[in-house]
Each structure stands twice: as C-alpha cells, then as structure tokens.
Amino acid sequence: MQTHAMTYPCKDCRATAPVMYCTPCRTEYDRRHRMALDLENVKVRARRKRKRDARSATCATCGEGFKGKRADARFCSDTCRQKAHRKSVTDIRRDSIGPASYP
C-alpha cells in the first residue's frame, strides 16, 4: 500500500481559516503550530538562562560572589549595602573635618 503525501492545506481548506479546516488539515495545522510554539519556548528559556547566568557578580563590600536579582546589583545583602553606606558617610565626615591641628 502506498501512502500519498497530503498537500497542506487541501484545496478545500485553502480559502478558509484554520478553525474551519477539515479534520486532517486541522490535525496537521495543530501539529505545526505546536512545533512552532515549542521552538519559541526553547528560545525563551535559553534567553532567560543566559540572563540569569549574567547576573553573577562580586559584592562591593565583602568580595563574595553572588547572583543578584538584577544585572546591576552591587551588594550580596542588605547588611553589606548598609556597611558600605556607613563607611562612605564616615569617610565624608572625616574628609570634611580635615587633619587635627593643635595649637
């Protein structure tokens, strides 16, 4: 028995929307549509993984490696962020007072 390749969509379905296709054409349409969606999902997952992997960084305070929620994250925790802020405020105050001068 020979099987003939079906032309998709058949001549009866060519002028109609996929919702109105006959059963064999609708089955083929659904299969092709699902393959296209699966391919797009693979691309999206790969793009998200690349983005996640690019978020690894080194903490500006303690020097530990971490994966931040954002690509421009600088600190691994709120504690390190607070330490950096306190250090910068202390440095500014020290610089504004200047060296101690004794009479």
PDB file of N, CA and C in Angstrom:
ATOM      1  N   MET A   1       0.835  -1.179   0.000  1.00  0.00           N
ATOM      2  CA  MET A   1       0.000   0.000   0.000  1.00  0.00           C
ATOM      3  C   MET A   1       0.881   1.243   0.000  1.00  0.00           C
ATOM      4  N   GLN A   2       0.623   2.130  -0.872  1.00  0.00           N
ATOM      5  CA  GLN A   2       1.370   3.360  -0.976  1.00  0.00           C
ATOM      6  C   GLN A   2       0.607   4.478  -0.272  1.00  0.00           C
ATOM      7  N   THR A   3       1.369   5.317   0.435  1.00  0.00           N
ATOM      8  CA  THR A   3       0.729   6.474   1.044  1.00  0.00           C
ATOM      9  C   THR A   3       1.126   7.700   0.248  1.00  0.00           C
ATOM     10  N   HIS A   4       0.190   8.497  -0.029  1.00  0.00           N
ATOM     11  CA  HIS A   4       0.442   9.711  -0.781  1.00  0.00           C
ATOM     12  C   HIS A   4       0.598  10.862   0.197  1.00  0.00           C
ATOM     13  N   ALA A   5       1.538  11.704  -0.099  1.00  0.00           N
ATOM     14  CA  ALA A   5       1.750  12.864   0.758  1.00  0.00           C
ATOM     15  C   ALA A   5       0.571  13.817   0.608  1.00  0.00           C
ATOM     16  N   MET A   6       0.052  14.186   1.721  1.00  0.00           N
ATOM     17  CA  MET A   6      -1.080  15.091   1.718  1.00  0.00           C
ATOM     18  C   MET A   6      -0.576  16.514   1.497  1.00  0.00           C
ATOM     19  N   THR A   7      -1.243  17.250   0.649  1.00  0.00           N
ATOM     20  CA  THR A   7      -0.898  18.653   0.497  1.00  0.00           C
ATOM     21  C   THR A   7      -1.605  19.413   1.596  1.00  0.00           C
ATOM     22  N   TYR A   8      -0.873  20.291   2.195  1.00  0.00           N
ATOM     23  CA  TYR A   8      -1.433  21.010   3.337  1.00  0.00           C
ATOM     24  C   TYR A   8      -1.469  22.482   3.041  1.00  0.00           C
ATOM     25  N   PRO A   9      -2.533  23.130   3.261  1.00  0.00           N
ATOM     26  CA  PRO A   9      -3.884  22.603   3.447  1.00  0.00           C
ATOM     27  C   PRO A   9      -4.455  22.123   2.111  1.00  0.00           C
ATOM     28  N   CYS A  10      -5.432  21.270   2.199  1.00  0.00           N
ATOM     29  CA  CYS A  10      -6.030  20.719   0.978  1.00  0.00           C
ATOM     30  C   CYS A  10      -6.752  21.845   0.218  1.00  0.00           C
ATOM     31  N   LYS A  11      -7.106  21.563  -1.018  1.00  0.00           N
ATOM     32  CA  LYS A  11      -7.683  22.638  -1.838  1.00  0.00           C
ATOM     33  C   LYS A  11      -9.021  23.118  -1.290  1.00  0.00           C
ATOM     34  N   ASP A  12      -9.732  22.272  -0.552  1.00  0.00           N
ATOM     35  CA  ASP A  12     -10.999  22.708   0.042  1.00  0.00           C
ATOM     36  C   ASP A  12     -10.780  23.661   1.224  1.00  0.00           C
ATOM     37  N   CYS A  13      -9.646  23.513   1.910  1.00  0.00           N
ATOM     38  CA  CYS A  13      -9.387  24.301   3.123  1.00  0.00           C
ATOM     39  C   CYS A  13      -8.550  25.546   2.871  1.00  0.00           C
ATOM     40  N   ARG A  14      -7.957  25.685   1.710  1.00  0.00           N
ATOM     41  CA  ARG A  14      -7.035  26.796   1.442  1.00  0.00           C
ATOM     42  C   ARG A  14      -7.650  28.168   1.661  1.00  0.00           C
ATOM     43  N   ALA A  15      -8.887  28.332   1.299  1.00  0.00           N
ATOM     44  CA  ALA A  15      -9.522  29.647   1.365  1.00  0.00           C
ATOM     45  C   ALA A  15     -10.184  29.916   2.715  1.00  0.00           C
ATOM     46  N   THR A  16     -10.100  28.985   3.644  1.00  0.00           N
ATOM     47  CA  THR A  16     -10.766  29.164   4.935  1.00  0.00           C
ATOM     48  C   THR A  16      -9.747  29.378   6.049  1.00  0.00           C
ATOM     49  N   ALA A  17     -10.249  29.775   7.184  1.00  0.00           N
ATOM     50  CA  ALA A  17      -9.412  29.959   8.364  1.00  0.00           C
ATOM     51  C   ALA A  17      -9.132  28.592   8.995  1.00  0.00           C
ATOM     52  N   PRO A  18      -8.038  28.465   9.758  1.00  0.00           N
ATOM     53  CA  PRO A  18      -7.710  27.181  10.384  1.00  0.00           C
ATOM     54  C   PRO A  18      -8.834  26.597  11.242  1.00  0.00           C
ATOM     55  N   VAL A  19      -9.683  27.445  11.785  1.00  0.00           N
ATOM     56  CA  VAL A  19     -10.793  26.944  12.597  1.00  0.00           C
ATOM     57  C   VAL A  19     -11.761  26.122  11.750  1.00  0.00           C
ATOM     58  N   MET A  20     -11.837  26.440  10.491  1.00  0.00           N
ATOM     59  CA  MET A  20     -12.788  25.771   9.602  1.00  0.00           C
ATOM     60  C   MET A  20     -12.154  24.624   8.801  1.00  0.00           C
ATOM     61  N   TYR A  21     -10.899  24.270   9.046  1.00  0.00           N
ATOM     62  CA  TYR A  21     -10.233  23.203   8.307  1.00  0.00           C
ATOM     63  C   TYR A  21     -10.924  21.862   8.533  1.00  0.00           C
ATOM     64  N   CYS A  22     -10.755  20.977   7.561  1.00  0.00           N
ATOM     65  CA  CYS A  22     -11.235  19.601   7.731  1.00  0.00           C
ATOM     66  C   CYS A  22     -10.356  18.910   8.775  1.00  0.00           C
ATOM     67  N   THR A  23     -10.746  17.738   9.239  1.00  0.00           N
ATOM     68  CA  THR A  23     -10.034  17.061  10.331  1.00  0.00           C
ATOM     69  C   THR A  23      -8.563  16.797  10.007  1.00  0.00           C
ATOM     70  N   PRO A  24      -8.196  16.241   8.850  1.00  0.00           N
ATOM     71  CA  PRO A  24      -6.764  16.016   8.574  1.00  0.00           C
ATOM     72  C   PRO A  24      -5.959  17.320   8.502  1.00  0.00           C
ATOM     73  N   CYS A  25      -6.530  18.360   7.895  1.00  0.00           N
ATOM     74  CA  CYS A  25      -5.816  19.631   7.798  1.00  0.00           C
ATOM     75  C   CYS A  25      -5.694  20.275   9.178  1.00  0.00           C
ATOM     76  N   ARG A  26      -6.753  20.179   9.977  1.00  0.00           N
ATOM     77  CA  ARG A  26      -6.704  20.762  11.327  1.00  0.00           C
ATOM     78  C   ARG A  26      -5.668  20.046  12.180  1.00  0.00           C
ATOM     79  N   THR A  27      -5.572  18.729  12.057  1.00  0.00           N
ATOM     80  CA  THR A  27      -4.570  17.963  12.796  1.00  0.00           C
ATOM     81  C   THR A  27      -3.160  18.395  12.402  1.00  0.00           C
ATOM     82  N   GLU A  28      -2.931  18.557  11.119  1.00  0.00           N
ATOM     83  CA  GLU A  28      -1.621  18.992  10.636  1.00  0.00           C
ATOM     84  C   GLU A  28      -1.328  20.425  11.086  1.00  0.00           C
ATOM     85  N   TYR A  29      -2.345  21.300  11.022  1.00  0.00           N
ATOM     86  CA  TYR A  29      -2.174  22.674  11.482  1.00  0.00           C
ATOM     87  C   TYR A  29      -1.795  22.696  12.963  1.00  0.00           C
ATOM     88  N   ASP A  30      -2.502  21.937  13.782  1.00  0.00           N
ATOM     89  CA  ASP A  30      -2.217  21.882  15.220  1.00  0.00           C
ATOM     90  C   ASP A  30      -0.807  21.360  15.489  1.00  0.00           C
ATOM     91  N   ARG A  31      -0.383  20.348  14.754  1.00  0.00           N
ATOM     92  CA  ARG A  31       0.953  19.783  14.936  1.00  0.00           C
ATOM     93  C   ARG A  31       2.020  20.829  14.604  1.00  0.00           C
ATOM     94  N   ARG A  32       1.873  21.512  13.473  1.00  0.00           N
ATOM     95  CA  ARG A  32       2.851  22.528  13.070  1.00  0.00           C
ATOM     96  C   ARG A  32       2.850  23.721  14.030  1.00  0.00           C
ATOM     97  N   HIS A  33       1.664  24.110  14.467  1.00  0.00           N
ATOM     98  CA  HIS A  33       1.558  25.232  15.398  1.00  0.00           C
ATOM     99  C   HIS A  33       2.228  24.886  16.733  1.00  0.00           C
ATOM    100  N   ARG A  34       2.010  23.680  17.228  1.00  0.00           N
ATOM    101  CA  ARG A  34       2.615  23.238  18.485  1.00  0.00           C
ATOM    102  C   ARG A  34       4.144  23.197  18.350  1.00  0.00           C
ATOM    103  N   MET A  35       4.649  22.733  17.198  1.00  0.00           N
ATOM    104  CA  MET A  35       6.096  22.698  16.981  1.00  0.00           C
ATOM    105  C   MET A  35       6.673  24.113  17.002  1.00  0.00           C
ATOM    106  N   ALA A  36       5.983  25.064  16.395  1.00  0.00           N
ATOM    107  CA  ALA A  36       6.449  26.446  16.383  1.00  0.00           C
ATOM    108  C   ALA A  36       6.457  27.024  17.796  1.00  0.00           C
ATOM    109  N   LEU A  37       5.418  26.736  18.578  1.00  0.00           N
ATOM    110  CA  LEU A  37       5.373  27.219  19.961  1.00  0.00           C
ATOM    111  C   LEU A  37       6.476  26.589  20.806  1.00  0.00           C
ATOM    112  N   ASP A  38       6.703  25.295  20.621  1.00  0.00           N
ATOM    113  CA  ASP A  38       7.765  24.625  21.374  1.00  0.00           C
ATOM    114  C   ASP A  38       9.133  25.209  21.041  1.00  0.00           C
ATOM    115  N   LEU A  39       9.373  25.499  19.781  1.00  0.00           N
ATOM    116  CA  LEU A  39      10.637  26.103  19.371  1.00  0.00           C
ATOM    117  C   LEU A  39      10.811  27.477  20.002  1.00  0.00           C
ATOM    118  N   GLU A  40       9.740  28.267  20.028  1.00  0.00           N
ATOM    119  CA  GLU A  40       9.802  29.590  20.650  1.00  0.00           C
ATOM    120  C   GLU A  40      10.054  29.475  22.148  1.00  0.00           C
ATOM    121  N   ASN A  41       9.429  28.495  22.808  1.00  0.00           N
ATOM    122  CA  ASN A  41       9.644  28.285  24.238  1.00  0.00           C
ATOM    123  C   ASN A  41      11.090  27.911  24.538  1.00  0.00           C
ATOM    124  N   VAL A  42      11.696  27.115  23.685  1.00  0.00           N
ATOM    125  CA  VAL A  42      13.107  26.749  23.865  1.00  0.00           C
ATOM    126  C   VAL A  42      13.981  27.995  23.774  1.00  0.00           C
ATOM    127  N   LYS A  43      13.681  28.855  22.818  1.00  0.00           N
ATOM    128  CA  LYS A  43      14.452  30.092  22.662  1.00  0.00           C
ATOM    129  C   LYS A  43      14.282  31.002  23.877  1.00  0.00           C
ATOM    130  N   VAL A  44      13.062  31.121  24.383  1.00  0.00           N
ATOM    131  CA  VAL A  44      12.806  31.977  25.544  1.00  0.00           C
ATOM    132  C   VAL A  44      13.531  31.428  26.770  1.00  0.00           C
ATOM    133  N   ARG A  45      13.481  30.108  26.986  1.00  0.00           N
ATOM    134  CA  ARG A  45      14.160  29.515  28.141  1.00  0.00           C
ATOM    135  C   ARG A  45      15.663  29.724  28.048  1.00  0.00           C
ATOM    136  N   ALA A  46      16.231  29.591  26.862  1.00  0.00           N
ATOM    137  CA  ALA A  46      17.673  29.805  26.685  1.00  0.00           C
ATOM    138  C   ALA A  46      18.040  31.260  26.952  1.00  0.00           C
ATOM    139  N   ARG A  47      17.207  32.183  26.479  1.00  0.00           N
ATOM    140  CA  ARG A  47      17.463  33.608  26.704  1.00  0.00           C
ATOM    141  C   ARG A  47      17.395  33.949  28.194  1.00  0.00           C
ATOM    142  N   ARG A  48      16.415  33.388  28.890  1.00  0.00           N
ATOM    143  CA  ARG A  48      16.297  33.627  30.333  1.00  0.00           C
ATOM    144  C   ARG A  48      17.472  33.035  31.101  1.00  0.00           C
ATOM    145  N   LYS A  49      17.952  31.868  30.678  1.00  0.00           N
ATOM    146  CA  LYS A  49      19.101  31.247  31.348  1.00  0.00           C
ATOM    147  C   LYS A  49      20.358  32.097  31.149  1.00  0.00           C
ATOM    148  N   ARG A  50      20.562  32.596  29.935  1.00  0.00           N
ATOM    149  CA  ARG A  50      21.713  33.471  29.686  1.00  0.00           C
ATOM    150  C   ARG A  50      21.638  34.717  30.564  1.00  0.00           C
ATOM    151  N   LYS A  51      20.449  35.267  30.693  1.00  0.00           N
ATOM    152  CA  LYS A  51      20.273  36.461  31.513  1.00  0.00           C
ATOM    153  C   LYS A  51      20.536  36.158  32.986  1.00  0.00           C
ATOM    154  N   ARG A  52      20.047  35.008  33.465  1.00  0.00           N
ATOM    155  CA  ARG A  52      20.286  34.601  34.850  1.00  0.00           C
ATOM    156  C   ARG A  52      21.760  34.394  35.113  1.00  0.00           C
ATOM    157  N   ASP A  53      22.449  33.751  34.185  1.00  0.00           N
ATOM    158  CA  ASP A  53      23.876  33.478  34.357  1.00  0.00           C
ATOM    159  C   ASP A  53      24.707  34.764  34.327  1.00  0.00           C
ATOM    160  N   ALA A  54      24.229  35.763  33.618  1.00  0.00           N
ATOM    161  CA  ALA A  54      24.967  37.023  33.523  1.00  0.00           C
ATOM    162  C   ALA A  54      24.845  37.847  34.798  1.00  0.00           C
ATOM    163  N   ARG A  55      23.931  37.474  35.682  1.00  0.00           N
ATOM    164  CA  ARG A  55      23.711  38.252  36.893  1.00  0.00           C
ATOM    165  C   ARG A  55      24.698  37.935  38.001  1.00  0.00           C
ATOM    166  N   SER A  56      25.599  36.976  37.802  1.00  0.00           N
ATOM    167  CA  SER A  56      26.552  36.680  38.868  1.00  0.00           C
ATOM    168  C   SER A  56      27.540  37.844  38.983  1.00  0.00           C
ATOM    169  N   ALA A  57      27.849  38.209  40.227  1.00  0.00           N
ATOM    170  CA  ALA A  57      28.698  39.369  40.473  1.00  0.00           C
ATOM    171  C   ALA A  57      29.487  39.162  41.755  1.00  0.00           C
ATOM    172  N   THR A  58      30.323  40.131  42.087  1.00  0.00           N
ATOM    173  CA  THR A  58      31.095  40.125  43.326  1.00  0.00           C
ATOM    174  C   THR A  58      30.627  41.288  44.181  1.00  0.00           C
ATOM    175  N   CYS A  59      30.395  41.021  45.449  1.00  0.00           N
ATOM    176  CA  CYS A  59      29.920  42.041  46.381  1.00  0.00           C
ATOM    177  C   CYS A  59      30.986  43.122  46.557  1.00  0.00           C
ATOM    178  N   ALA A  60      30.565  44.393  46.508  1.00  0.00           N
ATOM    179  CA  ALA A  60      31.488  45.514  46.637  1.00  0.00           C
ATOM    180  C   ALA A  60      32.000  45.672  48.062  1.00  0.00           C
ATOM    181  N   THR A  61      31.324  45.086  49.044  1.00  0.00           N
ATOM    182  CA  THR A  61      31.739  45.231  50.439  1.00  0.00           C
ATOM    183  C   THR A  61      32.576  44.051  50.908  1.00  0.00           C
ATOM    184  N   CYS A  62      32.021  42.847  50.787  1.00  0.00           N
ATOM    185  CA  CYS A  62      32.717  41.684  51.351  1.00  0.00           C
ATOM    186  C   CYS A  62      33.518  40.893  50.321  1.00  0.00           C
ATOM    187  N   GLY A  63      33.295  41.121  49.034  1.00  0.00           N
ATOM    188  CA  GLY A  63      34.061  40.443  47.993  1.00  0.00           C
ATOM    189  C   GLY A  63      33.560  39.050  47.652  1.00  0.00           C
ATOM    190  N   GLU A  64      32.449  38.623  48.246  1.00  0.00           N
ATOM    191  CA  GLU A  64      31.885  37.296  47.952  1.00  0.00           C
ATOM    192  C   GLU A  64      31.142  37.328  46.621  1.00  0.00           C
ATOM    193  N   GLY A  65      31.136  36.186  45.941  1.00  0.00           N
ATOM    194  CA  GLY A  65      30.367  36.068  44.717  1.00  0.00           C
ATOM    195  C   GLY A  65      28.906  35.825  45.053  1.00  0.00           C
ATOM    196  N   PHE A  66      28.002  36.350  44.239  1.00  0.00           N
ATOM    197  CA  PHE A  66      26.579  36.162  44.465  1.00  0.00           C
ATOM    198  C   PHE A  66      25.839  36.327  43.153  1.00  0.00           C
ATOM    199  N   LYS A  67      24.589  35.866  43.129  1.00  0.00           N
ATOM    200  CA  LYS A  67      23.722  36.065  41.976  1.00  0.00           C
ATOM    201  C   LYS A  67      22.642  37.037  42.401  1.00  0.00           C
ATOM    202  N   GLY A  68      22.700  38.230  41.879  1.00  0.00           N
ATOM    203  CA  GLY A  68      21.729  39.250  42.244  1.00  0.00           C
ATOM    204  C   GLY A  68      20.444  39.090  41.456  1.00  0.00           C
ATOM    205  N   LYS A  69      19.405  39.742  41.924  1.00  0.00           N
ATOM    206  CA  LYS A  69      18.137  39.730  41.208  1.00  0.00           C
ATOM    207  C   LYS A  69      18.204  40.615  39.972  1.00  0.00           C
ATOM    208  N   ARG A  70      19.121  41.570  40.007  1.00  0.00           N
ATOM    209  CA  ARG A  70      19.276  42.477  38.879  1.00  0.00           C
ATOM    210  C   ARG A  70      20.693  42.372  38.322  1.00  0.00           C
ATOM    211  N   ALA A  71      20.864  42.752  37.082  1.00  0.00           N
ATOM    212  CA  ALA A  71      22.180  42.674  36.451  1.00  0.00           C
ATOM    213  C   ALA A  71      23.145  43.707  37.035  1.00  0.00           C
ATOM    214  N   ASP A  72      22.617  44.809  37.584  1.00  0.00           N
ATOM    215  CA  ASP A  72      23.484  45.854  38.118  1.00  0.00           C
ATOM    216  C   ASP A  72      23.593  45.806  39.644  1.00  0.00           C
ATOM    217  N   ALA A  73      23.278  44.673  40.267  1.00  0.00           N
ATOM    218  CA  ALA A  73      23.375  44.544  41.725  1.00  0.00           C
ATOM    219  C   ALA A  73      24.833  44.665  42.165  1.00  0.00           C
ATOM    220  N   ARG A  74      25.080  45.395  43.267  1.00  0.00           N
ATOM    221  CA  ARG A  74      26.444  45.611  43.747  1.00  0.00           C
ATOM    222  C   ARG A  74      26.731  44.907  45.052  1.00  0.00           C
ATOM    223  N   PHE A  75      25.694  44.620  45.823  1.00  0.00           N
ATOM    224  CA  PHE A  75      25.890  44.046  47.153  1.00  0.00           C
ATOM    225  C   PHE A  75      25.143  42.724  47.268  1.00  0.00           C
ATOM    226  N   CYS A  76      25.716  41.812  48.070  1.00  0.00           N
ATOM    227  CA  CYS A  76      25.108  40.488  48.221  1.00  0.00           C
ATOM    228  C   CYS A  76      23.954  40.490  49.215  1.00  0.00           C
ATOM    229  N   SER A  77      23.896  41.480  50.107  1.00  0.00           N
ATOM    230  CA  SER A  77      22.832  41.509  51.120  1.00  0.00           C
ATOM    231  C   SER A  77      22.604  42.938  51.588  1.00  0.00           C
ATOM    232  N   ASP A  78      21.522  43.102  52.339  1.00  0.00           N
ATOM    233  CA  ASP A  78      21.246  44.418  52.921  1.00  0.00           C
ATOM    234  C   ASP A  78      22.319  44.812  53.930  1.00  0.00           C
ATOM    235  N   THR A  79      22.873  43.825  54.614  1.00  0.00           N
ATOM    236  CA  THR A  79      23.933  44.104  55.599  1.00  0.00           C
ATOM    237  C   THR A  79      25.140  44.738  54.919  1.00  0.00           C
ATOM    238  N   CYS A  80      25.583  44.157  53.809  1.00  0.00           N
ATOM    239  CA  CYS A  80      26.739  44.712  53.092  1.00  0.00           C
ATOM    240  C   CYS A  80      26.421  46.083  52.507  1.00  0.00           C
ATOM    241  N   ARG A  81      25.199  46.260  52.031  1.00  0.00           N
ATOM    242  CA  ARG A  81      24.805  47.565  51.492  1.00  0.00           C
ATOM    243  C   ARG A  81      24.858  48.623  52.592  1.00  0.00           C
ATOM    244  N   GLN A  82      24.369  48.283  53.781  1.00  0.00           N
ATOM    245  CA  GLN A  82      24.385  49.220  54.901  1.00  0.00           C
ATOM    246  C   GLN A  82      25.812  49.527  55.356  1.00  0.00           C
ATOM    247  N   LYS A  83      26.675  48.500  55.396  1.00  0.00           N
ATOM    248  CA  LYS A  83      28.075  48.723  55.778  1.00  0.00           C
ATOM    249  C   LYS A  83      28.752  49.690  54.812  1.00  0.00           C
ATOM    250  N   ALA A  84      28.485  49.513  53.517  1.00  0.00           N
ATOM    251  CA  ALA A  84      29.088  50.394  52.513  1.00  0.00           C
ATOM    252  C   ALA A  84      28.589  51.825  52.699  1.00  0.00           C
ATOM    253  N   HIS A  85      27.322  51.982  52.982  1.00  0.00           N
ATOM    254  CA  HIS A  85      26.772  53.327  53.185  1.00  0.00           C
ATOM    255  C   HIS A  85      27.395  53.977  54.421  1.00  0.00           C
ATOM    256  N   ARG A  86      27.473  53.253  55.507  1.00  0.00           N
ATOM    257  CA  ARG A  86      28.056  53.809  56.736  1.00  0.00           C
ATOM    258  C   ARG A  86      29.519  54.190  56.530  1.00  0.00           C
ATOM    259  N   LYS A  87      30.246  53.365  55.787  1.00  0.00           N
ATOM    260  CA  LYS A  87      31.663  53.668  55.527  1.00  0.00           C
ATOM    261  C   LYS A  87      31.782  54.942  54.687  1.00  0.00           C
ATOM    262  N   SER A  88      30.926  55.102  53.694  1.00  0.00           N
ATOM    263  CA  SER A  88      31.014  56.294  52.846  1.00  0.00           C
ATOM    264  C   SER A  88      30.673  57.558  53.641  1.00  0.00           C
ATOM    265  N   VAL A  89      29.677  57.470  54.525  1.00  0.00           N
ATOM    266  CA  VAL A  89      29.316  58.626  55.349  1.00  0.00           C
ATOM    267  C   VAL A  89      30.461  58.970  56.294  1.00  0.00           C
ATOM    268  N   THR A  90      31.080  57.964  56.900  1.00  0.00           N
ATOM    269  CA  THR A  90      32.207  58.190  57.804  1.00  0.00           C
ATOM    270  C   THR A  90      33.380  58.819  57.059  1.00  0.00           C
ATOM    271  N   ASP A  91      33.669  58.329  55.851  1.00  0.00           N
ATOM    272  CA  ASP A  91      34.770  58.889  55.059  1.00  0.00           C
ATOM    273  C   ASP A  91      34.507  60.347  54.691  1.00  0.00           C
ATOM    274  N   ILE A  92      33.268  60.682  54.367  1.00  0.00           N
ATOM    275  CA  ILE A  92      32.930  62.062  54.003  1.00  0.00           C
ATOM    276  C   ILE A  92      33.118  62.979  55.211  1.00  0.00           C
ATOM    277  N   ARG A  93      32.655  62.541  56.364  1.00  0.00           N
ATOM    278  CA  ARG A  93      32.801  63.356  57.572  1.00  0.00           C
ATOM    279  C   ARG A  93      34.274  63.544  57.922  1.00  0.00           C
ATOM    280  N   ARG A  94      35.053  62.477  57.802  1.00  0.00           N
ATOM    281  CA  ARG A  94      36.477  62.550  58.122  1.00  0.00           C
ATOM    282  C   ARG A  94      37.183  63.521  57.177  1.00  0.00           C
ATOM    283  N   ASP A  95      36.823  63.486  55.890  1.00  0.00           N
ATOM    284  CA  ASP A  95      37.444  64.375  54.905  1.00  0.00           C
ATOM    285  C   ASP A  95      37.032  65.834  55.128  1.00  0.00           C
ATOM    286  N   SER A  96      35.807  66.068  55.559  1.00  0.00           N
ATOM    287  CA  SER A  96      35.347  67.442  55.734  1.00  0.00           C
ATOM    288  C   SER A  96      35.945  68.087  56.988  1.00  0.00           C
ATOM    289  N   ILE A  97      36.259  67.285  58.008  1.00  0.00           N
ATOM    290  CA  ILE A  97      36.851  67.815  59.217  1.00  0.00           C
ATOM    291  C   ILE A  97      38.324  68.133  58.966  1.00  0.00           C
ATOM    292  N   GLY A  98      38.993  67.320  58.224  1.00  0.00           N
ATOM    293  CA  GLY A  98      40.394  67.543  57.902  1.00  0.00           C
ATOM    294  C   GLY A  98      41.293  67.054  59.026  1.00  0.00           C
ATOM    295  N   PRO A  99      42.603  67.219  58.850  1.00  0.00           N
ATOM    296  CA  PRO A  99      43.520  66.752  59.866  1.00  0.00           C
ATOM    297  C   PRO A  99      43.413  67.612  61.139  1.00  0.00           C
ATOM    298  N   ALA A 100      43.631  66.966  62.239  1.00  0.00           N
ATOM    299  CA  ALA A 100      43.559  67.686  63.511  1.00  0.00           C
ATOM    300  C   ALA A 100      44.732  68.650  63.628  1.00  0.00           C
ATOM    301  N   SER A 101      44.435  69.889  63.995  1.00  0.00           N
ATOM    302  CA  SER A 101      45.513  70.869  64.202  1.00  0.00           C
ATOM    303  C   SER A 101      45.499  71.282  65.661  1.00  0.00           C
ATOM    304  N   TYR A 102      46.626  71.186  66.241  1.00  0.00           N
ATOM    305  CA  TYR A 102      46.755  71.539  67.660  1.00  0.00           C
ATOM    306  C   TYR A 102      47.565  72.831  67.782  1.00  0.00           C
ATOM    307  N   PRO A 103      47.176  73.727  68.672  1.00  0.00           N
ATOM    308  CA  PRO A 103      47.914  74.991  68.813  1.00  0.00           C
ATOM    309  C   PRO A 103      49.255  74.832  69.436  1.00  0.00           C
TER     310      PRO A 103
END
